[in-house]
Amino acid sequence: MTDHFSRHKITPGWIEVICGCMFSGKTSELIKQVHRAELARLNCIVFKPKIDNRYSETEVASHDQNTFPSVIVESSDDIIPHIDRNTDVVGIDEAQFFDDRIVDIVTLLADSGKRVVLAGLDTDWQGKPFGPMPTLLAIADVIHKQYAICMVCGDPATRTQRLVAQNDSILVGSSESYEARCRNHFDPLLSVRLTQVAAPQDEMGTKSITEPTVQA
């Protein structure tokens, strides 16, 4: 689909969003798009949020270890100072972790003639829309929907299954904490149940340590 959106057909710029569940190849697709732009001798820069340091502190890295040098930013507003008139393509990984200002930032960049390519989770571990992604998808000119493989049945997967006893809305992790699932095998309450099971065990462990031993 991107072949129909050359720089000669969309003026002044455009927004592409690569979305899907974890392990669906979103970052790999982002890296591929940026590499292709570099082959066309376009000036590219890639950003990622500071919170994502799973594989590298200085690079965008996919689960299969594809990498591309990146600029680490604290917030969406930190992106603009790194852009100049010679920048052609702006890549943004893990877009779901950015604040809502990311929508205004990428709109400004596209309106000023930049091609902006974002990759991010469209839903969270509960199957709900994740952060600014719904709005980014709404304003996108091009959308790439990526699919993983369900780890239960092998069908196309669109959901991210959390596997650990942790109910925080954001838990950065990889295969030790998450796996891809299809709609049929997705269980958003699994993490909640694991937390409930773990809580009594934690209380028992604490009790056995803190209570004094009575000697006969």
N, C-alpha and C. Protein backbone atom coordinates (compact mmCIF):
# COMPACT_ATOMS: atom_id res chain seq x y z
N MET A 1 0.82 -1.20 0.00
CA MET A 1 0.00 0.00 0.00
C MET A 1 0.86 1.26 0.00
N THR A 2 2.02 1.24 0.66
CA THR A 2 2.88 2.42 0.72
C THR A 2 3.38 2.84 -0.65
N ASP A 3 3.44 1.89 -1.61
CA ASP A 3 3.93 2.23 -2.94
C ASP A 3 3.04 3.28 -3.61
N HIS A 4 1.77 3.38 -3.19
CA HIS A 4 0.85 4.35 -3.77
C HIS A 4 0.97 5.71 -3.10
N PHE A 5 1.84 5.82 -2.09
CA PHE A 5 1.97 7.07 -1.35
C PHE A 5 3.39 7.62 -1.51
N SER A 6 3.80 7.87 -2.72
CA SER A 6 5.12 8.44 -2.95
C SER A 6 5.10 9.91 -2.59
N ARG A 7 6.30 10.50 -2.48
CA ARG A 7 6.40 11.90 -2.10
C ARG A 7 5.76 12.81 -3.15
N HIS A 8 5.60 12.30 -4.38
CA HIS A 8 5.02 13.12 -5.45
C HIS A 8 3.49 13.12 -5.39
N LYS A 9 2.91 12.15 -4.67
CA LYS A 9 1.46 12.03 -4.64
C LYS A 9 0.84 12.57 -3.37
N ILE A 10 1.59 12.63 -2.29
CA ILE A 10 1.07 13.20 -1.06
C ILE A 10 1.92 14.39 -0.69
N THR A 11 1.28 15.55 -0.59
CA THR A 11 1.97 16.79 -0.26
C THR A 11 1.25 17.43 0.92
N PRO A 12 1.99 17.89 1.91
CA PRO A 12 3.44 17.97 1.95
C PRO A 12 4.12 16.75 2.57
N GLY A 13 3.46 16.04 3.46
CA GLY A 13 4.05 14.88 4.11
C GLY A 13 2.94 13.91 4.48
N TRP A 14 3.26 12.89 5.25
CA TRP A 14 2.20 11.98 5.67
C TRP A 14 2.60 11.20 6.91
N ILE A 15 1.59 10.55 7.49
CA ILE A 15 1.76 9.78 8.73
C ILE A 15 1.42 8.33 8.45
N GLU A 16 2.35 7.45 8.79
CA GLU A 16 2.11 6.01 8.71
C GLU A 16 2.14 5.43 10.12
N VAL A 17 1.22 4.53 10.41
CA VAL A 17 1.20 3.86 11.72
C VAL A 17 1.27 2.36 11.50
N ILE A 18 2.27 1.74 12.13
CA ILE A 18 2.43 0.29 12.13
C ILE A 18 1.92 -0.20 13.48
N CYS A 19 0.86 -1.00 13.48
CA CYS A 19 0.25 -1.40 14.74
C CYS A 19 0.05 -2.91 14.81
N GLY A 20 -0.21 -3.39 16.00
CA GLY A 20 -0.45 -4.81 16.21
C GLY A 20 -0.09 -5.18 17.64
N CYS A 21 -0.19 -6.47 17.95
CA CYS A 21 0.14 -6.94 19.29
C CYS A 21 1.66 -7.14 19.41
N MET A 22 2.11 -7.56 20.58
CA MET A 22 3.52 -7.86 20.74
C MET A 22 3.92 -9.05 19.87
N PHE A 23 5.15 -9.07 19.43
CA PHE A 23 5.73 -10.14 18.62
C PHE A 23 5.14 -10.21 17.21
N SER A 24 4.54 -9.11 16.76
CA SER A 24 3.95 -9.09 15.41
C SER A 24 4.87 -8.46 14.38
N GLY A 25 6.06 -8.04 14.79
CA GLY A 25 7.01 -7.50 13.84
C GLY A 25 6.88 -6.01 13.58
N LYS A 26 6.32 -5.28 14.52
CA LYS A 26 6.12 -3.84 14.32
C LYS A 26 7.45 -3.09 14.18
N THR A 27 8.35 -3.33 15.13
CA THR A 27 9.64 -2.64 15.09
C THR A 27 10.45 -3.07 13.88
N SER A 28 10.38 -4.35 13.53
CA SER A 28 11.09 -4.83 12.34
C SER A 28 10.58 -4.11 11.09
N GLU A 29 9.27 -3.91 11.01
CA GLU A 29 8.69 -3.20 9.86
C GLU A 29 9.12 -1.74 9.86
N LEU A 30 9.17 -1.12 11.03
CA LEU A 30 9.64 0.26 11.12
C LEU A 30 11.08 0.37 10.63
N ILE A 31 11.93 -0.53 11.11
CA ILE A 31 13.34 -0.52 10.70
C ILE A 31 13.45 -0.73 9.19
N LYS A 32 12.65 -1.64 8.66
CA LYS A 32 12.66 -1.89 7.21
C LYS A 32 12.28 -0.66 6.42
N GLN A 33 11.24 0.05 6.87
CA GLN A 33 10.80 1.26 6.18
C GLN A 33 11.89 2.33 6.19
N VAL A 34 12.56 2.47 7.33
CA VAL A 34 13.61 3.48 7.44
C VAL A 34 14.82 3.11 6.58
N HIS A 35 15.18 1.82 6.59
CA HIS A 35 16.30 1.38 5.75
C HIS A 35 16.01 1.64 4.27
N ARG A 36 14.78 1.39 3.86
CA ARG A 36 14.41 1.64 2.45
C ARG A 36 14.50 3.13 2.13
N ALA A 37 14.11 3.96 3.07
CA ALA A 37 14.20 5.41 2.86
C ALA A 37 15.66 5.83 2.74
N GLU A 38 16.53 5.21 3.54
CA GLU A 38 17.96 5.53 3.45
C GLU A 38 18.53 5.11 2.10
N LEU A 39 18.07 3.99 1.58
CA LEU A 39 18.53 3.56 0.25
C LEU A 39 18.13 4.57 -0.82
N ALA A 40 17.02 5.27 -0.57
CA ALA A 40 16.58 6.32 -1.49
C ALA A 40 17.27 7.66 -1.20
N ARG A 41 18.31 7.59 -0.32
CA ARG A 41 19.13 8.75 0.03
C ARG A 41 18.33 9.83 0.74
N LEU A 42 17.35 9.41 1.52
CA LEU A 42 16.60 10.34 2.36
C LEU A 42 17.25 10.41 3.74
N ASN A 43 17.15 11.55 4.36
CA ASN A 43 17.69 11.74 5.70
C ASN A 43 16.68 11.28 6.74
N CYS A 44 17.09 10.32 7.57
CA CYS A 44 16.17 9.68 8.51
C CYS A 44 16.66 9.85 9.95
N ILE A 45 15.71 9.92 10.86
CA ILE A 45 16.02 9.91 12.28
C ILE A 45 14.92 9.13 12.99
N VAL A 46 15.31 8.34 14.00
CA VAL A 46 14.37 7.48 14.70
C VAL A 46 14.41 7.80 16.20
N PHE A 47 13.24 7.81 16.82
CA PHE A 47 13.11 8.10 18.24
C PHE A 47 12.46 6.92 18.96
N LYS A 48 12.79 6.80 20.25
CA LYS A 48 12.07 5.87 21.10
C LYS A 48 12.00 6.44 22.51
N PRO A 49 10.96 6.08 23.28
CA PRO A 49 10.81 6.62 24.63
C PRO A 49 11.83 6.01 25.59
N LYS A 50 12.22 6.78 26.57
CA LYS A 50 13.24 6.35 27.52
C LYS A 50 12.82 5.09 28.28
N ILE A 51 11.52 4.89 28.47
CA ILE A 51 11.03 3.77 29.24
C ILE A 51 11.39 2.42 28.62
N ASP A 52 11.60 2.40 27.30
CA ASP A 52 11.87 1.13 26.61
C ASP A 52 13.37 0.90 26.47
N ASN A 53 13.94 0.15 27.41
CA ASN A 53 15.38 -0.18 27.35
C ASN A 53 15.60 -1.69 27.40
N ARG A 54 14.65 -2.44 26.86
CA ARG A 54 14.72 -3.90 26.96
C ARG A 54 15.94 -4.49 26.27
N TYR A 55 16.22 -4.04 25.06
CA TYR A 55 17.30 -4.64 24.28
C TYR A 55 18.50 -3.72 24.08
N SER A 56 18.26 -2.43 24.13
CA SER A 56 19.35 -1.48 23.89
C SER A 56 19.00 -0.12 24.47
N GLU A 57 20.01 0.58 24.96
CA GLU A 57 19.83 1.93 25.47
C GLU A 57 19.91 2.97 24.36
N THR A 58 20.51 2.61 23.25
CA THR A 58 20.81 3.60 22.21
C THR A 58 20.22 3.27 20.85
N GLU A 59 19.55 2.13 20.72
CA GLU A 59 19.03 1.72 19.42
C GLU A 59 17.58 1.27 19.54
N VAL A 60 16.84 1.43 18.47
CA VAL A 60 15.57 0.74 18.32
C VAL A 60 15.91 -0.70 17.99
N ALA A 61 15.34 -1.65 18.73
CA ALA A 61 15.68 -3.06 18.54
C ALA A 61 14.42 -3.90 18.56
N SER A 62 14.30 -4.80 17.60
CA SER A 62 13.15 -5.69 17.53
C SER A 62 13.42 -6.95 18.33
N HIS A 63 12.39 -7.78 18.51
CA HIS A 63 12.54 -9.04 19.24
C HIS A 63 13.52 -9.98 18.54
N ASP A 64 13.60 -9.85 17.21
CA ASP A 64 14.54 -10.72 16.48
C ASP A 64 15.89 -10.03 16.26
N GLN A 65 16.14 -8.97 17.05
CA GLN A 65 17.45 -8.32 17.12
C GLN A 65 17.83 -7.48 15.90
N ASN A 66 16.86 -7.06 15.09
CA ASN A 66 17.12 -6.02 14.11
C ASN A 66 17.27 -4.70 14.86
N THR A 67 18.23 -3.89 14.46
CA THR A 67 18.46 -2.64 15.19
C THR A 67 18.64 -1.45 14.24
N PHE A 68 18.44 -0.26 14.82
CA PHE A 68 18.68 0.98 14.09
C PHE A 68 18.98 2.04 15.14
N PRO A 69 20.02 2.87 14.91
CA PRO A 69 20.35 3.91 15.89
C PRO A 69 19.16 4.82 16.17
N SER A 70 18.99 5.19 17.43
CA SER A 70 17.83 6.01 17.79
C SER A 70 18.21 7.10 18.78
N VAL A 71 17.33 8.07 18.88
CA VAL A 71 17.45 9.14 19.88
C VAL A 71 16.45 8.84 20.99
N ILE A 72 16.93 8.80 22.23
CA ILE A 72 16.06 8.51 23.37
C ILE A 72 15.46 9.82 23.86
N VAL A 73 14.15 9.84 24.03
CA VAL A 73 13.47 11.06 24.48
C VAL A 73 12.58 10.77 25.68
N GLU A 74 12.43 11.80 26.52
CA GLU A 74 11.59 11.70 27.71
C GLU A 74 10.12 11.93 27.37
N SER A 75 9.88 12.86 26.44
CA SER A 75 8.50 13.23 26.10
C SER A 75 8.40 13.56 24.63
N SER A 76 7.18 13.74 24.17
CA SER A 76 6.94 14.05 22.76
C SER A 76 7.59 15.36 22.35
N ASP A 77 7.55 16.35 23.22
CA ASP A 77 8.11 17.66 22.89
C ASP A 77 9.62 17.61 22.69
N ASP A 78 10.28 16.58 23.19
CA ASP A 78 11.73 16.46 23.02
C ASP A 78 12.12 16.07 21.59
N ILE A 79 11.13 15.68 20.79
CA ILE A 79 11.41 15.25 19.41
C ILE A 79 11.78 16.44 18.52
N ILE A 80 11.02 17.51 18.61
CA ILE A 80 11.15 18.65 17.70
C ILE A 80 12.56 19.22 17.63
N PRO A 81 13.27 19.41 18.74
CA PRO A 81 14.62 20.00 18.64
C PRO A 81 15.60 19.19 17.80
N HIS A 82 15.31 17.92 17.57
CA HIS A 82 16.22 17.07 16.80
C HIS A 82 15.91 17.09 15.29
N ILE A 83 14.83 17.77 14.92
CA ILE A 83 14.41 17.81 13.52
C ILE A 83 14.88 19.11 12.88
N ASP A 84 15.39 19.02 11.65
CA ASP A 84 15.73 20.24 10.93
C ASP A 84 15.17 20.17 9.50
N ARG A 85 15.44 21.17 8.72
CA ARG A 85 14.85 21.27 7.38
C ARG A 85 15.32 20.15 6.46
N ASN A 86 16.46 19.52 6.78
CA ASN A 86 16.98 18.44 5.95
C ASN A 86 16.43 17.07 6.29
N THR A 87 15.66 16.98 7.37
CA THR A 87 15.08 15.70 7.78
C THR A 87 13.94 15.33 6.84
N ASP A 88 14.01 14.15 6.27
CA ASP A 88 12.95 13.67 5.37
C ASP A 88 11.99 12.71 6.06
N VAL A 89 12.55 11.78 6.84
CA VAL A 89 11.75 10.71 7.45
C VAL A 89 11.99 10.68 8.96
N VAL A 90 10.90 10.64 9.71
CA VAL A 90 10.96 10.56 11.17
C VAL A 90 10.32 9.25 11.60
N GLY A 91 11.10 8.39 12.25
CA GLY A 91 10.57 7.13 12.78
C GLY A 91 10.37 7.24 14.28
N ILE A 92 9.29 6.67 14.78
CA ILE A 92 8.99 6.70 16.22
C ILE A 92 8.54 5.31 16.64
N ASP A 93 9.31 4.69 17.53
CA ASP A 93 8.97 3.35 17.99
C ASP A 93 8.26 3.41 19.35
N GLU A 94 7.50 2.37 19.66
CA GLU A 94 6.77 2.27 20.93
C GLU A 94 5.91 3.52 21.16
N ALA A 95 5.16 3.88 20.15
CA ALA A 95 4.36 5.11 20.20
C ALA A 95 3.33 5.10 21.33
N GLN A 96 2.90 3.91 21.76
CA GLN A 96 1.89 3.83 22.82
C GLN A 96 2.38 4.40 24.14
N PHE A 97 3.70 4.47 24.34
CA PHE A 97 4.25 4.97 25.59
C PHE A 97 4.38 6.49 25.65
N PHE A 98 4.13 7.16 24.52
CA PHE A 98 4.26 8.61 24.51
C PHE A 98 3.01 9.28 25.08
N ASP A 99 3.18 10.52 25.50
CA ASP A 99 2.05 11.31 25.99
C ASP A 99 1.18 11.75 24.82
N ASP A 100 0.02 12.33 25.14
CA ASP A 100 -0.94 12.70 24.09
C ASP A 100 -0.43 13.78 23.15
N ARG A 101 0.59 14.51 23.54
CA ARG A 101 1.16 15.54 22.68
C ARG A 101 1.77 14.97 21.40
N ILE A 102 2.01 13.66 21.40
CA ILE A 102 2.61 13.03 20.21
C ILE A 102 1.72 13.25 18.99
N VAL A 103 0.41 13.34 19.21
CA VAL A 103 -0.52 13.55 18.09
C VAL A 103 -0.26 14.91 17.43
N ASP A 104 -0.12 15.95 18.24
CA ASP A 104 0.16 17.28 17.70
C ASP A 104 1.55 17.33 17.05
N ILE A 105 2.51 16.64 17.66
CA ILE A 105 3.88 16.68 17.15
C ILE A 105 3.95 16.04 15.76
N VAL A 106 3.38 14.85 15.60
CA VAL A 106 3.48 14.18 14.29
C VAL A 106 2.65 14.89 13.24
N THR A 107 1.55 15.52 13.65
CA THR A 107 0.75 16.32 12.71
C THR A 107 1.56 17.51 12.21
N LEU A 108 2.25 18.17 13.12
CA LEU A 108 3.11 19.30 12.75
C LEU A 108 4.21 18.85 11.79
N LEU A 109 4.82 17.71 12.07
CA LEU A 109 5.89 17.22 11.22
C LEU A 109 5.38 16.87 9.82
N ALA A 110 4.24 16.19 9.76
CA ALA A 110 3.68 15.82 8.46
C ALA A 110 3.27 17.06 7.67
N ASP A 111 2.69 18.04 8.36
CA ASP A 111 2.27 19.27 7.69
C ASP A 111 3.46 20.08 7.19
N SER A 112 4.63 19.83 7.77
CA SER A 112 5.83 20.57 7.34
C SER A 112 6.65 19.79 6.32
N GLY A 113 6.08 18.69 5.82
CA GLY A 113 6.72 17.98 4.72
C GLY A 113 7.47 16.73 5.09
N LYS A 114 7.34 16.27 6.33
CA LYS A 114 8.06 15.06 6.76
C LYS A 114 7.17 13.82 6.60
N ARG A 115 7.83 12.72 6.28
CA ARG A 115 7.17 11.42 6.34
C ARG A 115 7.39 10.89 7.76
N VAL A 116 6.32 10.62 8.48
CA VAL A 116 6.41 10.16 9.87
C VAL A 116 5.91 8.72 9.94
N VAL A 117 6.76 7.82 10.44
CA VAL A 117 6.41 6.41 10.56
C VAL A 117 6.46 6.03 12.04
N LEU A 118 5.31 5.63 12.59
CA LEU A 118 5.23 5.25 13.98
C LEU A 118 4.91 3.78 14.11
N ALA A 119 5.45 3.14 15.14
CA ALA A 119 5.11 1.75 15.45
C ALA A 119 4.66 1.66 16.89
N GLY A 120 3.60 0.91 17.14
CA GLY A 120 3.13 0.80 18.52
C GLY A 120 2.04 -0.24 18.70
N LEU A 121 1.84 -0.60 19.95
CA LEU A 121 0.78 -1.54 20.32
C LEU A 121 -0.57 -0.82 20.21
N ASP A 122 -1.51 -1.42 19.48
CA ASP A 122 -2.82 -0.77 19.39
C ASP A 122 -3.70 -1.07 20.60
N THR A 123 -3.47 -2.20 21.29
CA THR A 123 -4.21 -2.52 22.51
C THR A 123 -3.26 -2.95 23.61
N ASP A 124 -3.70 -2.79 24.86
CA ASP A 124 -2.86 -3.16 25.99
C ASP A 124 -3.15 -4.59 26.44
N TRP A 125 -2.62 -4.98 27.61
CA TRP A 125 -2.77 -6.35 28.10
C TRP A 125 -4.20 -6.70 28.47
N GLN A 126 -5.06 -5.68 28.58
CA GLN A 126 -6.47 -5.91 28.85
C GLN A 126 -7.32 -5.90 27.58
N GLY A 127 -6.65 -5.70 26.44
CA GLY A 127 -7.37 -5.64 25.18
C GLY A 127 -8.01 -4.29 24.92
N LYS A 128 -7.59 -3.26 25.67
CA LYS A 128 -8.15 -1.91 25.51
C LYS A 128 -7.20 -1.04 24.69
N PRO A 129 -7.75 -0.03 24.00
CA PRO A 129 -6.90 0.88 23.23
C PRO A 129 -5.79 1.45 24.10
N PHE A 130 -4.58 1.53 23.55
CA PHE A 130 -3.39 1.84 24.33
C PHE A 130 -2.91 3.27 24.09
N GLY A 131 -2.97 4.09 25.15
CA GLY A 131 -2.41 5.44 25.11
C GLY A 131 -2.92 6.26 23.93
N PRO A 132 -2.03 6.94 23.21
CA PRO A 132 -2.44 7.80 22.10
C PRO A 132 -2.68 7.05 20.79
N MET A 133 -2.53 5.72 20.80
CA MET A 133 -2.63 4.97 19.54
C MET A 133 -3.96 5.12 18.82
N PRO A 134 -5.11 5.11 19.52
CA PRO A 134 -6.38 5.28 18.78
C PRO A 134 -6.43 6.56 17.95
N THR A 135 -5.95 7.66 18.54
CA THR A 135 -5.96 8.94 17.82
C THR A 135 -4.95 8.92 16.68
N LEU A 136 -3.78 8.33 16.93
CA LEU A 136 -2.77 8.24 15.87
C LEU A 136 -3.30 7.44 14.69
N LEU A 137 -4.02 6.37 14.97
CA LEU A 137 -4.60 5.56 13.89
C LEU A 137 -5.67 6.36 13.14
N ALA A 138 -6.40 7.20 13.88
CA ALA A 138 -7.46 7.98 13.25
C ALA A 138 -6.91 9.03 12.29
N ILE A 139 -5.74 9.60 12.62
CA ILE A 139 -5.19 10.67 11.77
C ILE A 139 -4.19 10.15 10.74
N ALA A 140 -3.88 8.84 10.78
CA ALA A 140 -2.88 8.27 9.88
C ALA A 140 -3.35 8.28 8.43
N ASP A 141 -2.42 8.51 7.53
CA ASP A 141 -2.69 8.40 6.10
C ASP A 141 -2.53 6.97 5.62
N VAL A 142 -1.63 6.23 6.28
CA VAL A 142 -1.36 4.83 5.93
C VAL A 142 -1.30 4.02 7.21
N ILE A 143 -1.95 2.85 7.22
CA ILE A 143 -1.93 1.98 8.39
C ILE A 143 -1.46 0.59 7.97
N HIS A 144 -0.46 0.08 8.70
CA HIS A 144 0.01 -1.29 8.50
C HIS A 144 -0.41 -2.11 9.72
N LYS A 145 -1.32 -3.04 9.55
CA LYS A 145 -1.74 -3.90 10.65
C LYS A 145 -0.89 -5.17 10.63
N GLN A 146 -0.15 -5.41 11.71
CA GLN A 146 0.73 -6.56 11.81
C GLN A 146 0.07 -7.67 12.64
N TYR A 147 0.39 -8.92 12.33
CA TYR A 147 -0.17 -10.05 13.07
C TYR A 147 0.95 -10.95 13.57
N ALA A 148 0.77 -11.45 14.77
CA ALA A 148 1.69 -12.43 15.33
C ALA A 148 1.06 -13.81 15.19
N ILE A 149 1.62 -14.80 15.86
CA ILE A 149 1.07 -16.17 15.85
C ILE A 149 0.63 -16.51 17.26
N CYS A 150 -0.61 -16.95 17.39
CA CYS A 150 -1.14 -17.33 18.70
C CYS A 150 -0.32 -18.49 19.27
N MET A 151 0.16 -18.33 20.49
CA MET A 151 1.00 -19.35 21.10
C MET A 151 0.21 -20.53 21.62
N VAL A 152 -1.13 -20.46 21.51
CA VAL A 152 -1.98 -21.58 21.94
C VAL A 152 -2.39 -22.44 20.76
N CYS A 153 -2.86 -21.80 19.68
CA CYS A 153 -3.42 -22.57 18.57
C CYS A 153 -2.70 -22.36 17.23
N GLY A 154 -1.86 -21.34 17.11
CA GLY A 154 -1.15 -21.09 15.86
C GLY A 154 -1.89 -20.21 14.87
N ASP A 155 -3.10 -19.74 15.23
CA ASP A 155 -3.83 -18.83 14.35
C ASP A 155 -3.23 -17.42 14.42
N PRO A 156 -3.61 -16.55 13.49
CA PRO A 156 -3.12 -15.16 13.57
C PRO A 156 -3.51 -14.53 14.91
N ALA A 157 -2.56 -13.86 15.52
CA ALA A 157 -2.77 -13.27 16.85
C ALA A 157 -2.87 -11.76 16.76
N THR A 158 -3.83 -11.19 17.50
CA THR A 158 -4.02 -9.74 17.53
C THR A 158 -4.00 -9.20 18.96
N ARG A 159 -3.78 -10.05 19.95
CA ARG A 159 -3.83 -9.64 21.35
C ARG A 159 -2.52 -9.95 22.06
N THR A 160 -2.22 -9.14 23.07
CA THR A 160 -1.02 -9.34 23.89
C THR A 160 -1.43 -9.91 25.23
N GLN A 161 -1.04 -11.15 25.50
CA GLN A 161 -1.42 -11.83 26.73
C GLN A 161 -0.35 -11.63 27.81
N ARG A 162 -0.73 -11.01 28.93
CA ARG A 162 0.21 -10.88 30.04
C ARG A 162 0.21 -12.18 30.83
N LEU A 163 1.41 -12.64 31.19
CA LEU A 163 1.57 -13.96 31.79
C LEU A 163 2.00 -13.91 33.25
N VAL A 164 2.19 -12.72 33.80
CA VAL A 164 2.71 -12.59 35.16
C VAL A 164 1.70 -11.91 36.07
N ALA A 165 1.90 -12.10 37.37
CA ALA A 165 1.01 -11.51 38.38
C ALA A 165 1.37 -10.05 38.58
N GLN A 166 0.88 -9.21 37.70
CA GLN A 166 1.18 -7.78 37.75
C GLN A 166 0.04 -7.03 37.08
N ASN A 167 -0.59 -6.12 37.84
CA ASN A 167 -1.75 -5.41 37.31
C ASN A 167 -1.47 -3.97 36.93
N ASP A 168 -0.20 -3.54 36.97
CA ASP A 168 0.12 -2.18 36.55
C ASP A 168 -0.23 -2.00 35.07
N SER A 169 -0.69 -0.81 34.73
CA SER A 169 -1.10 -0.57 33.35
C SER A 169 0.07 -0.71 32.38
N ILE A 170 1.29 -0.31 32.83
CA ILE A 170 2.47 -0.41 31.98
C ILE A 170 3.50 -1.30 32.67
N LEU A 171 3.87 -2.36 32.01
CA LEU A 171 4.92 -3.27 32.47
C LEU A 171 5.76 -3.61 31.25
N VAL A 172 6.92 -2.99 31.14
CA VAL A 172 7.79 -3.22 29.99
C VAL A 172 8.43 -4.60 30.14
N GLY A 173 8.26 -5.43 29.13
CA GLY A 173 8.81 -6.77 29.19
C GLY A 173 8.82 -7.43 27.83
N SER A 174 9.23 -8.69 27.82
CA SER A 174 9.29 -9.44 26.57
C SER A 174 8.61 -10.80 26.77
N SER A 175 9.22 -11.87 26.24
CA SER A 175 8.57 -13.19 26.28
C SER A 175 8.46 -13.76 27.68
N GLU A 176 9.22 -13.20 28.65
CA GLU A 176 9.09 -13.69 30.02
C GLU A 176 7.79 -13.19 30.66
N SER A 177 7.20 -12.13 30.09
CA SER A 177 6.00 -11.54 30.67
C SER A 177 4.78 -11.56 29.76
N TYR A 178 5.01 -11.75 28.46
CA TYR A 178 3.91 -11.66 27.50
C TYR A 178 4.02 -12.73 26.42
N GLU A 179 2.89 -13.01 25.79
CA GLU A 179 2.88 -13.81 24.57
C GLU A 179 1.72 -13.36 23.70
N ALA A 180 1.77 -13.71 22.44
CA ALA A 180 0.72 -13.33 21.50
C ALA A 180 -0.41 -14.35 21.55
N ARG A 181 -1.64 -13.87 21.47
CA ARG A 181 -2.82 -14.75 21.47
C ARG A 181 -3.83 -14.27 20.43
N CYS A 182 -4.62 -15.20 19.93
CA CYS A 182 -5.75 -14.85 19.08
C CYS A 182 -6.91 -14.40 19.98
N ARG A 183 -7.95 -13.88 19.40
CA ARG A 183 -9.10 -13.42 20.18
C ARG A 183 -9.70 -14.56 21.01
N ASN A 184 -9.75 -15.75 20.43
CA ASN A 184 -10.37 -16.88 21.11
C ASN A 184 -9.63 -17.30 22.38
N HIS A 185 -8.30 -17.22 22.36
CA HIS A 185 -7.51 -17.68 23.50
C HIS A 185 -6.98 -16.54 24.37
N PHE A 186 -7.35 -15.32 24.04
CA PHE A 186 -6.94 -14.18 24.86
C PHE A 186 -7.72 -14.17 26.17
N ASP A 187 -7.00 -14.03 27.29
CA ASP A 187 -7.61 -14.05 28.62
C ASP A 187 -7.14 -12.83 29.40
N PRO A 188 -7.85 -11.71 29.30
CA PRO A 188 -7.39 -10.48 29.95
C PRO A 188 -7.39 -10.54 31.47
N LEU A 189 -8.10 -11.51 32.06
CA LEU A 189 -8.17 -11.63 33.51
C LEU A 189 -7.12 -12.58 34.08
N LEU A 190 -6.30 -13.17 33.23
CA LEU A 190 -5.29 -14.13 33.71
C LEU A 190 -4.34 -13.47 34.71
N SER A 191 -3.84 -12.28 34.38
CA SER A 191 -2.90 -11.60 35.27
C SER A 191 -3.56 -11.25 36.60
N VAL A 192 -4.85 -10.88 36.55
CA VAL A 192 -5.58 -10.56 37.78
C VAL A 192 -5.69 -11.80 38.66
N ARG A 193 -6.01 -12.93 38.06
CA ARG A 193 -6.13 -14.17 38.84
C ARG A 193 -4.78 -14.58 39.43
N LEU A 194 -3.71 -14.43 38.66
CA LEU A 194 -2.38 -14.76 39.16
C LEU A 194 -2.01 -13.88 40.35
N THR A 195 -2.41 -12.61 40.29
CA THR A 195 -2.14 -11.69 41.39
C THR A 195 -2.89 -12.11 42.65
N GLN A 196 -4.14 -12.53 42.46
CA GLN A 196 -4.95 -12.96 43.60
C GLN A 196 -4.41 -14.24 44.23
N VAL A 197 -3.88 -15.12 43.40
CA VAL A 197 -3.29 -16.36 43.91
C VAL A 197 -1.99 -16.06 44.65
N ALA A 198 -1.21 -15.13 44.13
CA ALA A 198 0.09 -14.82 44.71
C ALA A 198 -0.03 -14.08 46.03
N ALA A 199 -1.10 -13.27 46.19
CA ALA A 199 -1.24 -12.44 47.39
C ALA A 199 -1.28 -13.24 48.69
N PRO A 200 -2.12 -14.30 48.81
CA PRO A 200 -2.13 -15.08 50.04
C PRO A 200 -0.79 -15.75 50.33
N GLN A 201 -0.10 -16.19 49.28
CA GLN A 201 1.21 -16.82 49.47
C GLN A 201 2.22 -15.82 50.00
N ASP A 202 2.16 -14.57 49.50
CA ASP A 202 3.06 -13.53 49.99
C ASP A 202 2.79 -13.22 51.44
N GLU A 203 1.49 -13.20 51.82
CA GLU A 203 1.15 -12.92 53.20
C GLU A 203 1.64 -14.02 54.13
N MET A 204 1.50 -15.26 53.69
CA MET A 204 1.97 -16.39 54.49
C MET A 204 3.48 -16.34 54.67
N GLY A 205 4.18 -15.98 53.57
CA GLY A 205 5.63 -15.90 53.64
C GLY A 205 6.08 -14.81 54.59
N THR A 206 5.39 -13.68 54.54
CA THR A 206 5.74 -12.58 55.43
C THR A 206 5.48 -12.94 56.88
N LYS A 207 4.36 -13.64 57.12
CA LYS A 207 3.98 -14.02 58.48
C LYS A 207 5.01 -14.96 59.09
N SER A 208 5.47 -15.92 58.32
CA SER A 208 6.41 -16.90 58.84
C SER A 208 7.75 -16.28 59.19
N ILE A 209 8.08 -15.16 58.50
CA ILE A 209 9.37 -14.51 58.75
C ILE A 209 9.28 -13.57 59.93
N THR A 210 8.15 -12.85 60.07
CA THR A 210 8.07 -11.79 61.07
C THR A 210 7.64 -12.30 62.44
N GLU A 211 6.90 -13.39 62.50
CA GLU A 211 6.45 -13.88 63.80
C GLU A 211 7.58 -14.59 64.53
N PRO A 212 7.77 -14.31 65.83
CA PRO A 212 8.82 -14.98 66.59
C PRO A 212 8.51 -16.45 66.80
N THR A 213 9.53 -17.25 66.88
CA THR A 213 9.35 -18.68 67.14
C THR A 213 9.26 -18.91 68.65
N VAL A 214 8.20 -19.60 69.05
CA VAL A 214 8.00 -19.89 70.48
C VAL A 214 8.69 -21.20 70.81
N GLN A 215 9.61 -21.16 71.74
CA GLN A 215 10.36 -22.36 72.12
C GLN A 215 9.71 -23.01 73.34
N ALA A 216 9.59 -24.30 73.33
CA ALA A 216 8.97 -25.02 74.45
C ALA A 216 9.96 -25.13 75.60
